[in-house]
Protein backbone atom coordinates (compact mmCIF):
# COMPACT_ATOMS: atom_id res chain seq x y z
CA UNK A 1 -0.02 -0.04 0.16
CA UNK A 2 1.57 3.38 -1.05
CA UNK A 3 1.72 6.56 0.84
CA UNK A 4 -1.45 8.43 1.79
CA UNK A 5 -2.60 11.95 0.58
CA UNK A 6 -4.59 13.40 3.20
CA UNK A 7 -6.75 16.54 3.76
CA UNK A 8 -7.17 18.12 7.11
CA UNK A 9 -9.86 20.81 7.62
CA UNK A 10 -9.83 22.84 10.63
CA UNK A 11 -13.00 24.70 11.35
CA UNK A 12 -13.87 27.29 14.08
CA UNK A 13 -15.53 24.82 16.51
CA UNK A 14 -14.21 24.65 19.98
CA UNK A 15 -11.75 21.80 20.36
CA UNK A 16 -8.63 23.11 18.60
CA UNK A 17 -6.56 20.71 20.80
CA UNK A 18 -7.97 17.79 18.61
CA UNK A 19 -6.75 19.57 15.53
CA UNK A 20 -3.25 19.97 17.18
CA UNK A 21 -3.09 16.36 18.32
CA UNK A 22 -3.93 15.15 14.88
CA UNK A 23 -1.37 17.28 13.15
CA UNK A 24 1.20 16.21 15.97
CA UNK A 25 0.50 12.61 14.88
CA UNK A 26 0.42 13.10 11.28
CA UNK A 27 3.91 14.74 11.66
CA UNK A 28 5.06 11.53 13.40
CA UNK A 29 3.80 9.45 10.61
CA UNK A 30 5.46 11.29 7.86
CA UNK A 31 7.25 8.35 6.38
CA UNK A 32 3.67 6.76 5.80
CA UNK A 33 2.21 9.87 4.32
CA UNK A 34 3.20 11.37 0.99
CA UNK A 35 1.35 14.75 1.39
CA UNK A 36 -0.96 16.52 4.05
CA UNK A 37 -2.96 19.54 2.69
CA UNK A 38 -4.43 21.76 5.51
CA UNK A 39 -6.87 24.41 5.21
CA UNK A 40 -8.26 26.24 8.19
CA UNK A 41 -11.00 28.76 8.47
CA UNK A 42 -10.51 32.30 9.76
CA UNK A 43 -12.49 31.38 12.99
CA UNK A 44 -10.19 28.14 13.38
CA UNK A 45 -7.19 30.23 13.52
CA UNK A 46 -8.82 32.53 16.19
CA UNK A 47 -10.21 29.53 18.35
CA UNK A 48 -6.67 28.01 18.20
CA UNK A 49 -4.90 31.15 19.48
CA UNK A 50 -7.67 31.62 22.26
CA UNK A 51 -7.92 27.94 23.50
CA UNK A 52 -4.17 27.01 22.92
CA UNK A 53 -2.60 30.43 23.45
CA UNK A 54 -0.06 30.03 20.52
CA UNK A 55 0.09 29.87 16.50
CA UNK A 56 1.84 26.65 16.48
CA UNK A 57 -0.07 25.84 13.53
CA UNK A 58 2.26 27.87 11.48
CA UNK A 59 5.08 25.67 12.24
CA UNK A 60 4.04 22.20 10.85
CA UNK A 61 5.61 21.04 7.57
CA UNK A 62 2.33 20.65 5.62
CA UNK A 63 1.04 22.62 2.66
CA UNK A 64 -1.46 25.04 3.88
CA UNK A 65 -4.08 26.64 1.92
CA UNK A 66 -6.24 29.74 2.19
CA UNK A 67 -10.06 29.08 2.71
CA UNK A 68 -11.15 30.57 -0.62
CA UNK A 69 -8.09 28.98 -2.60
CA UNK A 70 -9.99 26.89 -5.10
CA UNK A 71 -6.80 26.28 -6.97
CA UNK A 72 -5.56 23.85 -4.20
CA UNK A 73 -4.97 20.47 -5.63
CA UNK A 74 -7.72 18.78 -3.48
CA UNK A 75 -10.32 20.99 -4.86
CA UNK A 76 -10.37 18.60 -7.64
CA UNK A 77 -10.87 14.82 -7.77
CA UNK A 78 -7.96 14.54 -10.21
CA UNK A 79 -5.45 15.10 -7.31
CA UNK A 80 -6.57 11.89 -5.56
CA UNK A 81 -6.37 12.47 -2.17
CA UNK A 82 -7.18 9.61 -0.06
CA UNK A 83 -9.20 10.93 2.87
CA UNK A 84 -10.22 14.16 4.42
CA UNK A 85 -10.60 14.91 8.07
CA UNK A 86 -12.52 17.87 9.44
CA UNK A 87 -11.34 18.51 12.97
CA UNK A 88 -13.14 20.03 14.97
CA UNK A 89 -16.22 20.33 12.50
CA UNK A 90 -18.53 23.30 13.24
CA UNK A 91 -22.18 22.85 12.90
CA UNK A 92 -22.14 25.39 10.11
CA UNK A 93 -19.49 23.27 8.14
CA UNK A 94 -21.44 20.06 8.75
CA UNK A 95 -24.63 21.67 7.73
CA UNK A 96 -22.99 22.88 4.55
CA UNK A 97 -21.43 19.42 3.80
CA UNK A 98 -24.64 17.80 4.14
CA UNK A 99 -26.44 20.09 1.86
CA UNK A 100 -23.71 19.98 -0.86
CA UNK A 101 -23.00 23.86 -0.60
CA UNK A 102 -19.46 24.50 -1.58
CA UNK A 103 -18.78 28.18 -0.62
CA UNK A 104 -15.18 27.66 0.34
CA UNK A 105 -12.31 25.26 -0.04
CA UNK A 106 -13.29 23.11 3.11
CA UNK A 107 -16.64 22.38 1.83
CA UNK A 108 -15.53 21.94 -1.91
CA UNK A 109 -13.09 19.51 -0.75
CA UNK A 110 -15.56 17.57 1.18
CA UNK A 111 -17.81 17.52 -1.99
CA UNK A 112 -14.88 16.04 -3.90
CA UNK A 113 -14.05 13.48 -1.33
CA UNK A 114 -17.73 12.42 -1.01
CA UNK A 115 -18.19 12.28 -4.72
CA UNK A 116 -15.18 10.21 -5.21
CA UNK A 117 -16.24 8.02 -2.52
CA UNK A 118 -12.88 8.55 -0.49
């Protein structure tokens, strides 16, 4: 089995520690992972700073994308990312994903992953 390509979306729900722990563990698994693409909402950055009192998300060796960057590779199924993790997932993000409303990169990537059944 080859190395995995993973999308991590961080939304503004409370629970930034979960995103941090995930990113920490993905970093430890770097030998098994080809690529990690991360997109954080503006609220996610604020919640992280408030709850964790730092901006350590800036230090991870992953590819970070802005929430409106529809040119990110995982905005298309042709990039063949293996999975997507939304952590923590706000109710707004959950609702948009359930309705198929792609108004930012997080919801667009979720649409792609669901369509591709990944």
